[in-house]
Amino acid sequence: IEPRDSFLDFVDHETIREFSHQIRENGVDLRLGAAIDRVEDAGEHIEVSLANGRHVRSEMLLFAAGRLGATARLNLKAVGLETDHRGRIEVDRATYQTAVPHIYATGDVIGHPSLASTSLQQGRIAACHAMDTPTLKESPWFPYGIYSVPEISTCGMSEQDMQQRGIPYEVGIGRFRETSRGNIMGLEHGMVKMLVSLKTRRVLGVQIVGEGATELIHIAQAVLNLKGTVDYFVENTFNYPTLAEAYKIAGLDAFNRMPIPEAFKVKIPVDKTAQAPETAKNG
């Protein structure tokens, strides 16, 4: 049950539509745009009354309203630090120093992206800076992993990001059922979506929904951070049979939709011996 008309708005919208289709086929009933009027414990079941007059009954209710920074008991005001309305601390994102230079904060308590993976990287940067030890900076692109069934994982820009920034782009789709491994596993759903700049041919975003998405996304992460192009997926061979072949399919799909590079255009030889037809004379 979600009061808004959408969910996971930071994920590419087409990816969410694919995900929604799959979970509905798995028996999940999505009630979007449905505000909750009241929740009652009826003894043998929980009853949720919606503002639109509908009712939902279930054995159990999970209430998920986001996260708050666990800072209330830290007495941060005593050291001169403030938090926002969700208990989050503002930091310098290059060093993770707070407004008090010798105090650092990383992880969920500083807000976005609130991932265990990025929190570990933030801790490394903060510790090295605190100890005045030079270290490698964080990579600009990191993966998101949503451990739902099916999984969702993304790295880089979404289609909406590309449109907002005015970047001309092309899309390539590789579906798991198009791979031999997908056929072996009996997968009817799942896909890799690749977003490619028409100007530079660079891969600027990849979204995956389906089996093993959170593992497969690391191929995209490497290519994005190394500023790779769609040509990488056309040129390179992937193990057979694997779901990673969906990258090859998506890359070829995008490649075939894009303008042909000058180096790959077929040169048609000009026959210099051919004579132009004579112009008809009047009268």
C-alpha atoms as a PDB file:
ATOM      1  CA  ILE A   1       0.000   0.000   0.000  1.00  0.00           C
ATOM      2  CA  GLU A   2       1.548   3.288  -1.112  1.00  0.00           C
ATOM      3  CA  PRO A   3      -0.179   6.709  -0.921  1.00  0.00           C
ATOM      4  CA  ARG A   4       1.808   7.953  -3.927  1.00  0.00           C
ATOM      5  CA  ASP A   5       1.165   6.837  -7.504  1.00  0.00           C
ATOM      6  CA  SER A   6       4.708   5.464  -7.802  1.00  0.00           C
ATOM      7  CA  PHE A   7       7.521   4.002  -5.722  1.00  0.00           C
ATOM      8  CA  LEU A   8      11.326   3.840  -5.910  1.00  0.00           C
ATOM      9  CA  ASP A   9      11.298   7.081  -7.896  1.00  0.00           C
ATOM     10  CA  PHE A  10      15.107   7.202  -8.122  1.00  0.00           C
ATOM     11  CA  VAL A  11      15.079   4.036 -10.258  1.00  0.00           C
ATOM     12  CA  ASP A  12      14.522   4.187 -14.016  1.00  0.00           C
ATOM     13  CA  HIS A  13      10.755   4.217 -14.607  1.00  0.00           C
ATOM     14  CA  GLU A  14      10.769   1.509 -17.287  1.00  0.00           C
ATOM     15  CA  THR A  15      12.709  -0.747 -14.905  1.00  0.00           C
ATOM     16  CA  ILE A  16      10.059  -0.205 -12.228  1.00  0.00           C
ATOM     17  CA  ARG A  17       7.299  -1.043 -14.710  1.00  0.00           C
ATOM     18  CA  GLU A  18       9.093  -4.297 -15.544  1.00  0.00           C
ATOM     19  CA  PHE A  19       9.533  -5.027 -11.821  1.00  0.00           C
ATOM     20  CA  SER A  20       5.870  -4.250 -11.072  1.00  0.00           C
ATOM     21  CA  HIS A  21       4.749  -6.611 -13.840  1.00  0.00           C
ATOM     22  CA  GLN A  22       6.894  -9.416 -12.454  1.00  0.00           C
ATOM     23  CA  ILE A  23       5.799  -9.090  -8.829  1.00  0.00           C
ATOM     24  CA  ARG A  24       2.143  -8.939  -9.871  1.00  0.00           C
ATOM     25  CA  GLU A  25       2.660 -12.208 -11.714  1.00  0.00           C
ATOM     26  CA  ASN A  26       4.127 -13.556  -8.459  1.00  0.00           C
ATOM     27  CA  GLY A  27       0.882 -12.729  -6.658  1.00  0.00           C
ATOM     28  CA  VAL A  28       1.748  -9.363  -5.089  1.00  0.00           C
ATOM     29  CA  ASP A  29      -1.108  -6.866  -5.070  1.00  0.00           C
ATOM     30  CA  LEU A  30       0.129  -3.282  -5.423  1.00  0.00           C
ATOM     31  CA  ARG A  31      -2.229  -0.605  -4.073  1.00  0.00           C
ATOM     32  CA  LEU A  32      -0.705   2.634  -5.391  1.00  0.00           C
ATOM     33  CA  GLY A  33      -2.286   6.029  -4.839  1.00  0.00           C
ATOM     34  CA  ALA A  34      -4.088   4.611  -1.806  1.00  0.00           C
ATOM     35  CA  ALA A  35      -3.880   6.628   1.405  1.00  0.00           C
ATOM     36  CA  ILE A  36      -4.481   4.736   4.663  1.00  0.00           C
ATOM     37  CA  ASP A  37      -7.451   5.885   6.735  1.00  0.00           C
ATOM     38  CA  ARG A  38      -6.998   3.568   9.725  1.00  0.00           C
ATOM     39  CA  VAL A  39      -5.448   0.282  10.874  1.00  0.00           C
ATOM     40  CA  GLU A  40      -7.296  -2.080  13.217  1.00  0.00           C
ATOM     41  CA  ASP A  41      -6.280  -5.257  15.022  1.00  0.00           C
ATOM     42  CA  ALA A  42      -9.328  -7.505  14.571  1.00  0.00           C
ATOM     43  CA  GLY A  43      -7.833 -10.361  16.565  1.00  0.00           C
ATOM     44  CA  GLU A  44      -7.555 -13.012  13.869  1.00  0.00           C
ATOM     45  CA  HIS A  45      -6.393 -10.515  11.258  1.00  0.00           C
ATOM     46  CA  ILE A  46      -5.228  -6.961  10.688  1.00  0.00           C
ATOM     47  CA  GLU A  47      -7.618  -4.757   8.746  1.00  0.00           C
ATOM     48  CA  VAL A  48      -6.417  -1.704   6.844  1.00  0.00           C
ATOM     49  CA  SER A  49      -9.067   0.772   5.715  1.00  0.00           C
ATOM     50  CA  LEU A  50      -8.092   2.938   2.769  1.00  0.00           C
ATOM     51  CA  ALA A  51      -9.279   6.468   2.074  1.00  0.00           C
ATOM     52  CA  ASN A  52     -10.921   5.274  -1.148  1.00  0.00           C
ATOM     53  CA  GLY A  53     -13.210   2.943   0.818  1.00  0.00           C
ATOM     54  CA  ARG A  54     -11.380  -0.311   0.097  1.00  0.00           C
ATOM     55  CA  HIS A  55     -10.161  -2.682   2.799  1.00  0.00           C
ATOM     56  CA  VAL A  56      -7.120  -4.953   3.042  1.00  0.00           C
ATOM     57  CA  ARG A  57      -7.001  -7.894   5.438  1.00  0.00           C
ATOM     58  CA  SER A  58      -3.850  -9.808   6.342  1.00  0.00           C
ATOM     59  CA  GLU A  59      -2.339 -11.898   9.111  1.00  0.00           C
ATOM     60  CA  MET A  60       0.490  -9.421   9.574  1.00  0.00           C
ATOM     61  CA  LEU A  61       1.227  -5.762   8.794  1.00  0.00           C
ATOM     62  CA  LEU A  62       4.692  -4.346   8.120  1.00  0.00           C
ATOM     63  CA  PHE A  63       4.886  -0.564   8.437  1.00  0.00           C
ATOM     64  CA  ALA A  64       7.856   0.870   6.501  1.00  0.00           C
ATOM     65  CA  ALA A  65       8.216   4.641   6.766  1.00  0.00           C
ATOM     66  CA  GLY A  66      11.876   5.154   5.922  1.00  0.00           C
ATOM     67  CA  ARG A  67      14.840   5.624   8.213  1.00  0.00           C
ATOM     68  CA  LEU A  68      15.941   8.120  10.841  1.00  0.00           C
ATOM     69  CA  GLY A  69      19.507   8.826  11.899  1.00  0.00           C
ATOM     70  CA  ALA A  70      20.219   7.191  15.271  1.00  0.00           C
ATOM     71  CA  THR A  71      21.589  10.422  16.733  1.00  0.00           C
ATOM     72  CA  ALA A  72      19.019  11.382  19.373  1.00  0.00           C
ATOM     73  CA  ARG A  73      21.042   9.923  22.266  1.00  0.00           C
ATOM     74  CA  LEU A  74      24.427  11.254  21.184  1.00  0.00           C
ATOM     75  CA  ASN A  75      23.945  14.735  22.697  1.00  0.00           C
ATOM     76  CA  LEU A  76      25.465  16.296  19.588  1.00  0.00           C
ATOM     77  CA  LYS A  77      24.563  19.816  20.677  1.00  0.00           C
ATOM     78  CA  ALA A  78      27.166  19.490  23.432  1.00  0.00           C
ATOM     79  CA  VAL A  79      29.891  19.435  20.761  1.00  0.00           C
ATOM     80  CA  GLY A  80      28.250  22.030  18.542  1.00  0.00           C
ATOM     81  CA  LEU A  81      26.583  19.762  15.967  1.00  0.00           C
ATOM     82  CA  GLU A  82      23.032  19.957  14.645  1.00  0.00           C
ATOM     83  CA  THR A  83      20.905  17.428  12.773  1.00  0.00           C
ATOM     84  CA  ASP A  84      18.027  17.821  10.338  1.00  0.00           C
ATOM     85  CA  HIS A  85      14.446  16.684  10.968  1.00  0.00           C
ATOM     86  CA  ARG A  86      15.417  13.079  10.205  1.00  0.00           C
ATOM     87  CA  GLY A  87      18.389  13.022  12.553  1.00  0.00           C
ATOM     88  CA  ARG A  88      20.970  13.305   9.770  1.00  0.00           C
ATOM     89  CA  ILE A  89      24.310  15.088  10.068  1.00  0.00           C
ATOM     90  CA  GLU A  90      25.721  17.360   7.356  1.00  0.00           C
ATOM     91  CA  VAL A  91      29.283  16.550   6.274  1.00  0.00           C
ATOM     92  CA  ASP A  92      31.898  17.519   3.710  1.00  0.00           C
ATOM     93  CA  ARG A  93      31.384  14.770   1.122  1.00  0.00           C
ATOM     94  CA  ALA A  94      35.075  14.823   0.152  1.00  0.00           C
ATOM     95  CA  THR A  95      36.391  14.079   3.665  1.00  0.00           C
ATOM     96  CA  TYR A  96      33.254  13.256   5.729  1.00  0.00           C
ATOM     97  CA  GLN A  97      34.176  15.880   8.298  1.00  0.00           C
ATOM     98  CA  THR A  98      31.299  17.478  10.152  1.00  0.00           C
ATOM     99  CA  ALA A  99      31.082  21.167  11.065  1.00  0.00           C
ATOM    100  CA  VAL A 100      33.429  20.262  13.933  1.00  0.00           C
ATOM    101  CA  PRO A 101      36.588  19.320  11.968  1.00  0.00           C
ATOM    102  CA  HIS A 102      37.822  16.554  14.295  1.00  0.00           C
ATOM    103  CA  ILE A 103      34.432  14.770  14.240  1.00  0.00           C
ATOM    104  CA  TYR A 104      33.560  12.602  11.236  1.00  0.00           C
ATOM    105  CA  ALA A 105      30.301  10.922  10.231  1.00  0.00           C
ATOM    106  CA  THR A 106      29.597   8.270   7.591  1.00  0.00           C
ATOM    107  CA  GLY A 107      26.854   5.815   6.615  1.00  0.00           C
ATOM    108  CA  ASP A 108      23.107   6.108   7.055  1.00  0.00           C
ATOM    109  CA  VAL A 109      23.492   8.957   9.538  1.00  0.00           C
ATOM    110  CA  ILE A 110      24.561  11.355   6.747  1.00  0.00           C
ATOM    111  CA  GLY A 111      21.694  10.415   4.421  1.00  0.00           C
ATOM    112  CA  HIS A 112      21.864   9.532   0.721  1.00  0.00           C
ATOM    113  CA  PRO A 113      22.741   6.981  -0.534  1.00  0.00           C
ATOM    114  CA  SER A 114      22.439   5.083   2.795  1.00  0.00           C
ATOM    115  CA  LEU A 115      23.940   1.845   1.505  1.00  0.00           C
ATOM    116  CA  ALA A 116      26.131  -0.591   3.430  1.00  0.00           C
ATOM    117  CA  SER A 117      28.561  -0.725   0.481  1.00  0.00           C
ATOM    118  CA  THR A 118      29.020   3.047   0.213  1.00  0.00           C
ATOM    119  CA  SER A 119      29.198   3.358   4.011  1.00  0.00           C
ATOM    120  CA  LEU A 120      32.305   1.138   4.021  1.00  0.00           C
ATOM    121  CA  GLN A 121      33.946   3.346   1.404  1.00  0.00           C
ATOM    122  CA  GLN A 122      33.009   6.487   3.310  1.00  0.00           C
ATOM    123  CA  GLY A 123      34.542   5.031   6.474  1.00  0.00           C
ATOM    124  CA  ARG A 124      37.792   4.322   4.622  1.00  0.00           C
ATOM    125  CA  ILE A 125      37.982   7.896   3.294  1.00  0.00           C
ATOM    126  CA  ALA A 126      37.177   9.385   6.713  1.00  0.00           C
ATOM    127  CA  ALA A 127      39.695   7.225   8.585  1.00  0.00           C
ATOM    128  CA  CYS A 128      42.488   8.009   6.129  1.00  0.00           C
ATOM    129  CA  HIS A 129      41.735  11.735   6.271  1.00  0.00           C
ATOM    130  CA  ALA A 130      41.627  11.693  10.078  1.00  0.00           C
ATOM    131  CA  MET A 131      45.030   9.962  10.152  1.00  0.00           C
ATOM    132  CA  ASP A 132      46.411  12.342   7.489  1.00  0.00           C
ATOM    133  CA  THR A 133      47.031   9.353   5.195  1.00  0.00           C
ATOM    134  CA  PRO A 134      46.753   9.869   1.407  1.00  0.00           C
ATOM    135  CA  THR A 135      44.363   7.411  -0.223  1.00  0.00           C
ATOM    136  CA  LEU A 136      42.409   6.748  -3.399  1.00  0.00           C
ATOM    137  CA  LYS A 137      39.174   8.703  -3.726  1.00  0.00           C
ATOM    138  CA  GLU A 138      35.748   7.131  -4.179  1.00  0.00           C
ATOM    139  CA  SER A 139      34.706   6.178  -7.693  1.00  0.00           C
ATOM    140  CA  PRO A 140      32.004   8.467  -9.138  1.00  0.00           C
ATOM    141  CA  TRP A 141      29.582   5.641 -10.025  1.00  0.00           C
ATOM    142  CA  PHE A 142      28.417   3.093  -7.481  1.00  0.00           C
ATOM    143  CA  PRO A 143      25.709   0.412  -7.714  1.00  0.00           C
ATOM    144  CA  TYR A 144      22.348   0.314  -5.971  1.00  0.00           C
ATOM    145  CA  GLY A 145      21.048  -3.108  -5.013  1.00  0.00           C
ATOM    146  CA  ILE A 146      17.438  -3.823  -4.044  1.00  0.00           C
ATOM    147  CA  TYR A 147      17.135  -7.379  -2.747  1.00  0.00           C
ATOM    148  CA  SER A 148      13.545  -7.929  -3.738  1.00  0.00           C
ATOM    149  CA  VAL A 149      12.177 -10.858  -5.733  1.00  0.00           C
ATOM    150  CA  PRO A 150      13.091 -10.214  -8.488  1.00  0.00           C
ATOM    151  CA  GLU A 151      16.192  -8.187  -7.679  1.00  0.00           C
ATOM    152  CA  ILE A 152      16.752  -4.654  -8.998  1.00  0.00           C
ATOM    153  CA  SER A 153      20.172  -3.104  -9.432  1.00  0.00           C
ATOM    154  CA  THR A 154      21.272   0.098 -11.129  1.00  0.00           C
ATOM    155  CA  CYS A 155      24.458   2.034 -11.792  1.00  0.00           C
ATOM    156  CA  GLY A 156      24.741   5.448 -13.417  1.00  0.00           C
ATOM    157  CA  MET A 157      21.970   7.568 -14.857  1.00  0.00           C
ATOM    158  CA  SER A 158      18.361   6.645 -15.446  1.00  0.00           C
ATOM    159  CA  GLU A 159      16.494   7.554 -18.616  1.00  0.00           C
ATOM    160  CA  GLN A 160      14.848  10.396 -16.699  1.00  0.00           C
ATOM    161  CA  ASP A 161      18.282  11.744 -15.651  1.00  0.00           C
ATOM    162  CA  MET A 162      19.414  11.765 -19.284  1.00  0.00           C
ATOM    163  CA  GLN A 163      16.295  13.662 -20.362  1.00  0.00           C
ATOM    164  CA  GLN A 164      16.610  16.239 -17.569  1.00  0.00           C
ATOM    165  CA  ARG A 165      20.243  16.910 -18.504  1.00  0.00           C
ATOM    166  CA  GLY A 166      19.444  17.160 -22.188  1.00  0.00           C
ATOM    167  CA  ILE A 167      21.829  14.356 -23.173  1.00  0.00           C
ATOM    168  CA  PRO A 168      20.989  12.744 -26.549  1.00  0.00           C
ATOM    169  CA  TYR A 169      20.962   9.003 -25.935  1.00  0.00           C
ATOM    170  CA  GLU A 170      19.992   5.603 -27.248  1.00  0.00           C
ATOM    171  CA  VAL A 171      18.667   2.584 -25.365  1.00  0.00           C
ATOM    172  CA  GLY A 172      19.668  -1.049 -25.665  1.00  0.00           C
ATOM    173  CA  ILE A 173      17.671  -3.898 -24.109  1.00  0.00           C
ATOM    174  CA  GLY A 174      18.884  -7.437 -23.474  1.00  0.00           C
ATOM    175  CA  ARG A 175      16.315  -9.852 -22.055  1.00  0.00           C
ATOM    176  CA  PHE A 176      17.359 -12.877 -20.011  1.00  0.00           C
ATOM    177  CA  ARG A 177      15.135 -15.142 -22.095  1.00  0.00           C
ATOM    178  CA  GLU A 178      17.274 -14.232 -25.125  1.00  0.00           C
ATOM    179  CA  THR A 179      20.317 -15.842 -23.485  1.00  0.00           C
ATOM    180  CA  SER A 180      20.987 -19.584 -23.436  1.00  0.00           C
ATOM    181  CA  ARG A 181      21.473 -19.496 -19.664  1.00  0.00           C
ATOM    182  CA  GLY A 182      18.093 -17.825 -19.286  1.00  0.00           C
ATOM    183  CA  ASN A 183      16.515 -20.638 -21.310  1.00  0.00           C
ATOM    184  CA  ILE A 184      18.310 -23.274 -19.228  1.00  0.00           C
ATOM    185  CA  MET A 185      17.058 -21.638 -16.027  1.00  0.00           C
ATOM    186  CA  GLY A 186      13.544 -21.290 -17.433  1.00  0.00           C
ATOM    187  CA  LEU A 187      13.516 -17.508 -17.021  1.00  0.00           C
ATOM    188  CA  GLU A 188      10.615 -15.747 -18.681  1.00  0.00           C
ATOM    189  CA  HIS A 189      11.492 -12.316 -17.293  1.00  0.00           C
ATOM    190  CA  GLY A 190      14.503 -10.192 -16.472  1.00  0.00           C
ATOM    191  CA  MET A 191      16.458  -7.692 -18.521  1.00  0.00           C
ATOM    192  CA  VAL A 192      19.498  -5.459 -18.832  1.00  0.00           C
ATOM    193  CA  LYS A 193      18.785  -1.894 -19.962  1.00  0.00           C
ATOM    194  CA  MET A 194      21.725   0.143 -21.242  1.00  0.00           C
ATOM    195  CA  LEU A 195      21.770   3.913 -21.829  1.00  0.00           C
ATOM    196  CA  VAL A 196      24.373   5.211 -24.276  1.00  0.00           C
ATOM    197  CA  SER A 197      25.350   8.777 -25.200  1.00  0.00           C
ATOM    198  CA  LEU A 198      24.841   9.450 -28.913  1.00  0.00           C
ATOM    199  CA  LYS A 199      27.590  12.090 -28.814  1.00  0.00           C
ATOM    200  CA  THR A 200      30.405  10.156 -27.107  1.00  0.00           C
ATOM    201  CA  ARG A 201      29.101   6.550 -27.362  1.00  0.00           C
ATOM    202  CA  ARG A 202      29.856   6.222 -23.630  1.00  0.00           C
ATOM    203  CA  VAL A 203      27.673   3.992 -21.472  1.00  0.00           C
ATOM    204  CA  LEU A 204      26.095   6.370 -18.943  1.00  0.00           C
ATOM    205  CA  GLY A 205      23.662   4.082 -17.143  1.00  0.00           C
ATOM    206  CA  VAL A 206      22.630   0.455 -16.728  1.00  0.00           C
ATOM    207  CA  GLN A 207      19.528  -0.914 -15.010  1.00  0.00           C
ATOM    208  CA  ILE A 208      18.932  -4.595 -14.356  1.00  0.00           C
ATOM    209  CA  VAL A 209      15.848  -6.350 -13.045  1.00  0.00           C
ATOM    210  CA  GLY A 210      15.742 -10.104 -12.583  1.00  0.00           C
ATOM    211  CA  GLU A 211      17.732 -13.068 -11.343  1.00  0.00           C
ATOM    212  CA  GLY A 212      21.179 -12.109  -9.992  1.00  0.00           C
ATOM    213  CA  ALA A 213      20.819  -8.418 -10.840  1.00  0.00           C
ATOM    214  CA  THR A 214      22.912  -7.300  -7.854  1.00  0.00           C
ATOM    215  CA  GLU A 215      25.817  -9.462  -9.055  1.00  0.00           C
ATOM    216  CA  LEU A 216      25.558  -8.608 -12.746  1.00  0.00           C
ATOM    217  CA  ILE A 217      25.598  -4.846 -12.137  1.00  0.00           C
ATOM    218  CA  HIS A 218      29.329  -4.837 -11.345  1.00  0.00           C
ATOM    219  CA  ILE A 219      30.165  -5.260 -15.042  1.00  0.00           C
ATOM    220  CA  ALA A 220      28.334  -1.983 -15.690  1.00  0.00           C
ATOM    221  CA  GLN A 221      30.048  -0.315 -12.727  1.00  0.00           C
ATOM    222  CA  ALA A 222      33.501  -1.131 -14.140  1.00  0.00           C
ATOM    223  CA  VAL A 223      32.643   0.106 -17.639  1.00  0.00           C
ATOM    224  CA  LEU A 224      31.073   3.340 -16.355  1.00  0.00           C
ATOM    225  CA  ASN A 225      33.984   4.209 -14.061  1.00  0.00           C
ATOM    226  CA  LEU A 226      36.517   3.462 -16.836  1.00  0.00           C
ATOM    227  CA  LYS A 227      34.491   5.683 -19.212  1.00  0.00           C
ATOM    228  CA  GLY A 228      33.844   2.783 -21.546  1.00  0.00           C
ATOM    229  CA  THR A 229      31.683   2.926 -24.647  1.00  0.00           C
ATOM    230  CA  VAL A 230      29.015   0.666 -26.092  1.00  0.00           C
ATOM    231  CA  ASP A 231      31.724  -0.686 -28.407  1.00  0.00           C
ATOM    232  CA  TYR A 232      33.171  -2.628 -25.456  1.00  0.00           C
ATOM    233  CA  PHE A 233      30.120  -4.876 -25.363  1.00  0.00           C
ATOM    234  CA  VAL A 234      30.182  -5.391 -29.135  1.00  0.00           C
ATOM    235  CA  GLU A 235      33.898  -6.202 -29.257  1.00  0.00           C
ATOM    236  CA  ASN A 236      34.155  -8.495 -26.238  1.00  0.00           C
ATOM    237  CA  THR A 237      33.141 -12.115 -25.753  1.00  0.00           C
ATOM    238  CA  PHE A 238      31.150 -13.242 -22.717  1.00  0.00           C
ATOM    239  CA  ASN A 239      31.172 -16.708 -21.196  1.00  0.00           C
ATOM    240  CA  TYR A 240      28.544 -19.015 -22.670  1.00  0.00           C
ATOM    241  CA  PRO A 241      26.050 -19.812 -21.277  1.00  0.00           C
ATOM    242  CA  THR A 242      25.714 -16.959 -18.764  1.00  0.00           C
ATOM    243  CA  LEU A 243      23.158 -14.290 -17.949  1.00  0.00           C
ATOM    244  CA  ALA A 244      25.966 -11.768 -18.510  1.00  0.00           C
ATOM    245  CA  GLU A 245      25.402 -12.335 -22.225  1.00  0.00           C
ATOM    246  CA  ALA A 246      22.407 -10.024 -21.800  1.00  0.00           C
ATOM    247  CA  TYR A 247      24.979  -7.198 -21.756  1.00  0.00           C
ATOM    248  CA  LYS A 248      26.146  -8.270 -25.211  1.00  0.00           C
ATOM    249  CA  ILE A 249      22.550  -8.354 -26.463  1.00  0.00           C
ATOM    250  CA  ALA A 250      21.801  -4.914 -24.962  1.00  0.00           C
ATOM    251  CA  GLY A 251      25.029  -3.495 -26.382  1.00  0.00           C
ATOM    252  CA  LEU A 252      24.267  -4.792 -29.877  1.00  0.00           C
ATOM    253  CA  ASP A 253      20.701  -3.511 -29.612  1.00  0.00           C
ATOM    254  CA  ALA A 254      21.930   0.009 -28.803  1.00  0.00           C
ATOM    255  CA  PHE A 255      24.787  -0.207 -31.354  1.00  0.00           C
ATOM    256  CA  ASN A 256      22.390  -1.112 -34.154  1.00  0.00           C
ATOM    257  CA  ARG A 257      20.087   1.800 -33.327  1.00  0.00           C
ATOM    258  CA  MET A 258      22.894   4.384 -33.288  1.00  0.00           C
ATOM    259  CA  PRO A 259      24.389   6.290 -36.234  1.00  0.00           C
ATOM    260  CA  ILE A 260      27.049   4.197 -37.972  1.00  0.00           C
ATOM    261  CA  PRO A 261      30.584   5.404 -37.090  1.00  0.00           C
ATOM    262  CA  GLU A 262      32.498   6.713 -40.103  1.00  0.00           C
ATOM    263  CA  ALA A 263      35.076   3.906 -39.750  1.00  0.00           C
ATOM    264  CA  PHE A 264      32.359   1.255 -40.241  1.00  0.00           C
ATOM    265  CA  LYS A 265      30.512   2.804 -43.171  1.00  0.00           C
ATOM    266  CA  VAL A 266      30.640   0.807 -46.389  1.00  0.00           C
ATOM    267  CA  LYS A 267      32.670   2.692 -48.971  1.00  0.00           C
ATOM    268  CA  ILE A 268      31.004   2.552 -52.393  1.00  0.00           C
ATOM    269  CA  PRO A 269      33.655   2.977 -55.099  1.00  0.00           C
ATOM    270  CA  VAL A 270      32.948   5.638 -57.685  1.00  0.00           C
ATOM    271  CA  ASP A 271      33.219   4.461 -61.316  1.00  0.00           C
ATOM    272  CA  LYS A 272      35.212   7.257 -62.928  1.00  0.00           C
ATOM    273  CA  THR A 273      34.789   5.741 -66.394  1.00  0.00           C
ATOM    274  CA  ALA A 274      31.054   6.197 -66.384  1.00  0.00           C
ATOM    275  CA  GLN A 275      29.936   9.211 -68.399  1.00  0.00           C
ATOM    276  CA  ALA A 276      27.166  11.532 -67.389  1.00  0.00           C
ATOM    277  CA  PRO A 277      24.115  11.276 -69.662  1.00  0.00           C
ATOM    278  CA  GLU A 278      23.888  13.946 -72.350  1.00  0.00           C
ATOM    279  CA  THR A 279      21.524  16.772 -71.656  1.00  0.00           C
ATOM    280  CA  ALA A 280      18.586  16.787 -74.080  1.00  0.00           C
ATOM    281  CA  LYS A 281      18.672  19.700 -76.461  1.00  0.00           C
ATOM    282  CA  ASN A 282      15.613  21.852 -77.073  1.00  0.00           C
ATOM    283  CA  GLY A 283      14.218  22.011 -80.581  1.00  0.00           C
END
